[in-house]
């Protein structure tokens, strides 16, 4: 019997303004489950950049939350592991939902654009999949994290939707941004086994359209294992 693929899912907390986008995360896990693969949620055991009140949309002065603890709200108790103990060789593919936490906690793209830094542990983990020629699926803003991790190493085709500022930043990082018209679309870079979809880079996207894009993204990732 063929081995069941095992997929790493890198989360950035919980909540679209300061962590992982909950809808994108759940839909990615659903897509993986529907394809019959196993998955493991992972997150760094570190403080978020800041905490945002999702009622007002404003940062909460002095508040602190832990990325791993918050990501465990999505993964369920005990089902999200510390990224520090993760090894690329234990997984067949990587899937990364979006949310501002990707651009604030995993890297500083939200604040510095193409000049952003990436957490060393996150950068090493993401690069490890490309070095091992294992497929990667990046959703919403997560392709920006990929672009930062690959900058100076590889030029990939990817999408962040249709935002001109993001497209300019991707070009500055040496990547090839492909404009997409809706959350239903995907971009496949065959050479790097990278699949991207914009999801809530379109703020007004319908949940059903986000699902279509994420399911297509996950399906294409799994085809390349």
Protein backbone atom coordinates (compact mmCIF):
# COMPACT_ATOMS: atom_id res chain seq x y z
CA UNK A 1 0.00 0.00 0.00
CA UNK A 2 1.29 3.47 -0.88
CA UNK A 3 2.32 5.63 2.03
CA UNK A 4 -0.25 8.23 3.09
CA UNK A 5 1.21 11.72 2.55
CA UNK A 6 1.93 13.72 5.71
CA UNK A 7 1.66 17.49 5.34
CA UNK A 8 3.01 20.26 7.57
CA UNK A 9 0.63 23.19 8.12
CA UNK A 10 2.43 26.29 9.39
CA UNK A 11 0.18 28.61 11.42
CA UNK A 12 0.86 32.15 12.62
CA UNK A 13 -1.51 32.41 15.58
CA UNK A 14 -5.28 32.84 15.53
CA UNK A 15 -7.14 35.79 14.05
CA UNK A 16 -6.71 37.49 10.69
CA UNK A 17 -5.41 40.82 12.06
CA UNK A 18 -2.62 39.44 14.24
CA UNK A 19 -2.38 35.71 13.58
CA UNK A 20 -3.52 33.05 11.13
CA UNK A 21 -6.69 33.73 9.14
CA UNK A 22 -9.11 31.31 10.80
CA UNK A 23 -11.28 30.65 7.75
CA UNK A 24 -8.28 30.02 5.50
CA UNK A 25 -6.71 27.74 8.09
CA UNK A 26 -9.84 25.64 8.62
CA UNK A 27 -10.52 25.41 4.90
CA UNK A 28 -6.94 24.28 4.24
CA UNK A 29 -7.26 21.58 6.92
CA UNK A 30 -10.62 20.53 5.47
CA UNK A 31 -9.16 20.25 1.98
CA UNK A 32 -6.28 18.13 3.25
CA UNK A 33 -8.68 15.89 5.16
CA UNK A 34 -10.98 15.46 2.17
CA UNK A 35 -7.99 14.30 0.12
CA UNK A 36 -7.28 11.63 2.74
CA UNK A 37 -3.85 12.85 3.81
CA UNK A 38 -2.60 13.36 7.35
CA UNK A 39 -1.39 16.73 8.55
CA UNK A 40 0.42 18.33 11.45
CA UNK A 41 -0.10 21.92 12.55
CA UNK A 42 3.04 23.77 13.61
CA UNK A 43 3.81 27.22 15.02
CA UNK A 44 6.72 29.00 16.72
CA UNK A 45 6.63 29.12 20.52
CA UNK A 46 7.09 32.89 20.73
CA UNK A 47 5.13 36.08 21.36
CA UNK A 48 3.06 37.64 18.60
CA UNK A 49 4.21 41.01 17.28
CA UNK A 50 1.13 42.52 18.96
CA UNK A 51 -2.45 41.71 19.90
CA UNK A 52 -5.36 43.22 17.95
CA UNK A 53 -8.92 43.57 19.24
CA UNK A 54 -10.94 41.97 16.45
CA UNK A 55 -14.03 43.97 17.44
CA UNK A 56 -12.38 47.37 16.95
CA UNK A 57 -9.50 46.36 14.69
CA UNK A 58 -7.08 48.25 16.95
CA UNK A 59 -3.95 47.01 18.77
CA UNK A 60 -4.36 46.41 22.51
CA UNK A 61 -1.60 48.26 24.40
CA UNK A 62 0.46 46.00 26.65
CA UNK A 63 -1.34 42.79 25.66
CA UNK A 64 0.72 39.70 24.88
CA UNK A 65 -0.20 36.39 23.26
CA UNK A 66 1.85 33.38 22.26
CA UNK A 67 1.82 32.25 18.61
CA UNK A 68 1.83 28.53 19.46
CA UNK A 69 -0.89 28.88 22.09
CA UNK A 70 -3.07 30.91 19.75
CA UNK A 71 -2.53 28.54 16.80
CA UNK A 72 -3.62 25.70 19.08
CA UNK A 73 -7.07 27.30 19.22
CA UNK A 74 -7.41 26.32 15.55
CA UNK A 75 -5.59 22.99 15.68
CA UNK A 76 -7.29 21.91 18.97
CA UNK A 77 -5.63 21.13 22.29
CA UNK A 78 -2.27 19.41 21.95
CA UNK A 79 -2.50 19.13 18.16
CA UNK A 80 -0.20 22.04 17.25
CA UNK A 81 3.50 21.36 17.75
CA UNK A 82 6.37 23.75 18.40
CA UNK A 83 8.15 24.58 15.14
CA UNK A 84 11.47 24.20 16.96
CA UNK A 85 11.05 20.42 16.94
CA UNK A 86 9.89 20.09 13.34
CA UNK A 87 12.01 18.43 10.65
CA UNK A 88 11.38 18.86 6.94
CA UNK A 89 12.24 15.21 6.32
CA UNK A 90 9.18 14.17 8.36
CA UNK A 91 6.77 15.80 5.90
CA UNK A 92 5.90 15.40 2.24
CA UNK A 93 4.61 18.93 1.65
CA UNK A 94 4.04 22.29 3.34
CA UNK A 95 0.82 24.33 3.37
CA UNK A 96 0.69 27.86 4.81
CA UNK A 97 -2.60 29.69 5.40
CA UNK A 98 -2.47 33.48 5.45
CA UNK A 99 -3.52 36.16 7.90
CA UNK A 100 -1.59 39.22 9.05
CA UNK A 101 0.28 37.03 11.53
CA UNK A 102 2.26 35.64 8.61
CA UNK A 103 3.38 39.18 7.75
CA UNK A 104 3.81 40.30 11.38
CA UNK A 105 4.88 37.21 13.37
CA UNK A 106 6.70 35.03 10.83
CA UNK A 107 8.25 38.01 9.08
CA UNK A 108 7.98 41.81 9.03
CA UNK A 109 6.49 42.17 5.54
CA UNK A 110 3.48 44.08 6.94
CA UNK A 111 5.81 46.85 8.09
CA UNK A 112 8.85 46.74 5.81
CA UNK A 113 7.67 45.20 2.55
CA UNK A 114 10.55 43.99 0.40
CA UNK A 115 13.01 45.05 3.13
CA UNK A 116 11.44 42.68 5.67
CA UNK A 117 13.22 40.07 7.75
CA UNK A 118 12.01 36.51 8.36
CA UNK A 119 12.22 34.67 11.66
CA UNK A 120 15.27 32.39 11.27
CA UNK A 121 13.39 29.24 12.30
CA UNK A 122 10.56 29.96 9.87
CA UNK A 123 12.97 30.82 7.05
CA UNK A 124 14.94 27.61 7.57
CA UNK A 125 11.79 25.48 7.63
CA UNK A 126 10.29 27.02 4.50
CA UNK A 127 13.56 26.91 2.56
CA UNK A 128 14.02 23.31 3.59
CA UNK A 129 11.01 22.24 1.52
CA UNK A 130 12.31 23.98 -1.57
CA UNK A 131 15.81 22.55 -1.03
CA UNK A 132 14.26 19.07 -0.74
CA UNK A 133 12.11 19.73 -3.83
CA UNK A 134 8.94 19.11 -1.83
CA UNK A 135 5.74 20.96 -2.81
CA UNK A 136 4.59 24.08 -1.01
CA UNK A 137 1.15 25.69 -0.97
CA UNK A 138 0.94 29.34 0.10
CA UNK A 139 -2.38 31.07 0.71
CA UNK A 140 -3.27 34.78 0.86
CA UNK A 141 -0.24 36.77 2.15
CA UNK A 142 1.88 33.62 2.71
CA UNK A 143 3.44 33.90 -0.78
CA UNK A 144 5.17 37.05 0.50
CA UNK A 145 6.85 34.91 3.15
CA UNK A 146 7.93 32.50 0.42
CA UNK A 147 9.28 35.40 -1.64
CA UNK A 148 11.35 36.64 1.30
CA UNK A 149 12.65 33.17 2.07
CA UNK A 150 13.63 32.57 -1.57
CA UNK A 151 15.03 36.04 -2.28
CA UNK A 152 18.50 35.72 -3.76
CA UNK A 153 18.08 31.95 -4.07
CA UNK A 154 15.30 31.37 -6.61
CA UNK A 155 12.77 33.30 -8.71
CA UNK A 156 9.29 31.80 -8.51
CA UNK A 157 5.90 32.49 -10.08
CA UNK A 158 3.37 33.38 -7.40
CA UNK A 159 0.31 35.51 -6.71
CA UNK A 160 -0.85 37.94 -4.05
CA UNK A 161 -3.99 38.77 -5.99
CA UNK A 162 -4.12 42.14 -7.73
CA UNK A 163 -2.60 44.59 -5.22
CA UNK A 164 -0.04 46.79 -7.05
CA UNK A 165 2.03 47.41 -3.93
CA UNK A 166 2.44 43.71 -3.24
CA UNK A 167 3.29 43.08 -6.88
CA UNK A 168 6.02 45.73 -6.72
CA UNK A 169 7.44 44.20 -3.56
CA UNK A 170 7.53 40.76 -5.16
CA UNK A 171 9.42 42.16 -8.14
CA UNK A 172 11.90 43.85 -5.78
CA UNK A 173 12.48 40.45 -4.17
CA UNK A 174 13.25 38.90 -7.54
CA UNK A 175 9.99 36.96 -7.81
CA UNK A 176 7.46 36.87 -10.67
CA UNK A 177 4.10 38.15 -9.49
CA UNK A 178 1.09 36.92 -11.48
CA UNK A 179 -2.02 39.06 -11.11
CA UNK A 180 -5.17 37.09 -10.40
CA UNK A 181 -8.74 38.34 -10.66
CA UNK A 182 -10.44 36.45 -7.84
CA UNK A 183 -9.98 34.23 -4.81
CA UNK A 184 -10.90 31.20 -6.91
CA UNK A 185 -7.67 31.32 -8.91
CA UNK A 186 -4.31 29.66 -8.35
CA UNK A 187 -0.82 30.06 -9.78
CA UNK A 188 1.36 26.97 -10.21
CA UNK A 189 5.15 27.23 -10.47
CA UNK A 190 6.05 23.79 -11.76
CA UNK A 191 9.81 24.24 -11.48
CA UNK A 192 9.65 25.02 -7.76
CA UNK A 193 6.55 22.94 -6.93
CA UNK A 194 4.94 26.08 -5.52
CA UNK A 195 1.17 26.65 -5.64
CA UNK A 196 -0.34 29.96 -4.51
CA UNK A 197 -3.87 31.34 -4.20
CA UNK A 198 -4.95 34.86 -3.10
CA UNK A 199 -7.90 34.00 -0.81
CA UNK A 200 -8.61 37.03 1.41
CA UNK A 201 -6.09 39.23 -0.36
CA UNK A 202 -9.45 40.09 -1.90
CA UNK A 203 -11.16 41.59 1.17
CA UNK A 204 -14.62 41.21 -0.33
CA UNK A 205 -14.15 37.60 -1.42
CA UNK A 206 -17.03 35.23 -0.74
CA UNK A 207 -16.20 32.35 1.58
CA UNK A 208 -17.23 29.93 -1.15
CA UNK A 209 -14.74 31.49 -3.55
CA UNK A 210 -11.97 31.31 -0.95
CA UNK A 211 -12.80 27.62 -0.52
CA UNK A 212 -12.55 26.96 -4.25
CA UNK A 213 -9.10 28.57 -4.43
CA UNK A 214 -7.78 26.81 -1.35
CA UNK A 215 -9.12 23.41 -2.40
CA UNK A 216 -7.55 23.83 -5.83
CA UNK A 217 -4.28 24.90 -4.23
CA UNK A 218 -4.18 21.91 -1.88
CA UNK A 219 -5.11 19.49 -4.67
CA UNK A 220 -2.27 20.74 -6.86
CA UNK A 221 0.20 20.55 -3.98
CA UNK A 222 -0.75 16.94 -3.31
CA UNK A 223 -0.41 16.02 -7.00
CA UNK A 224 3.26 17.00 -6.79
CA UNK A 225 4.22 14.79 -3.86
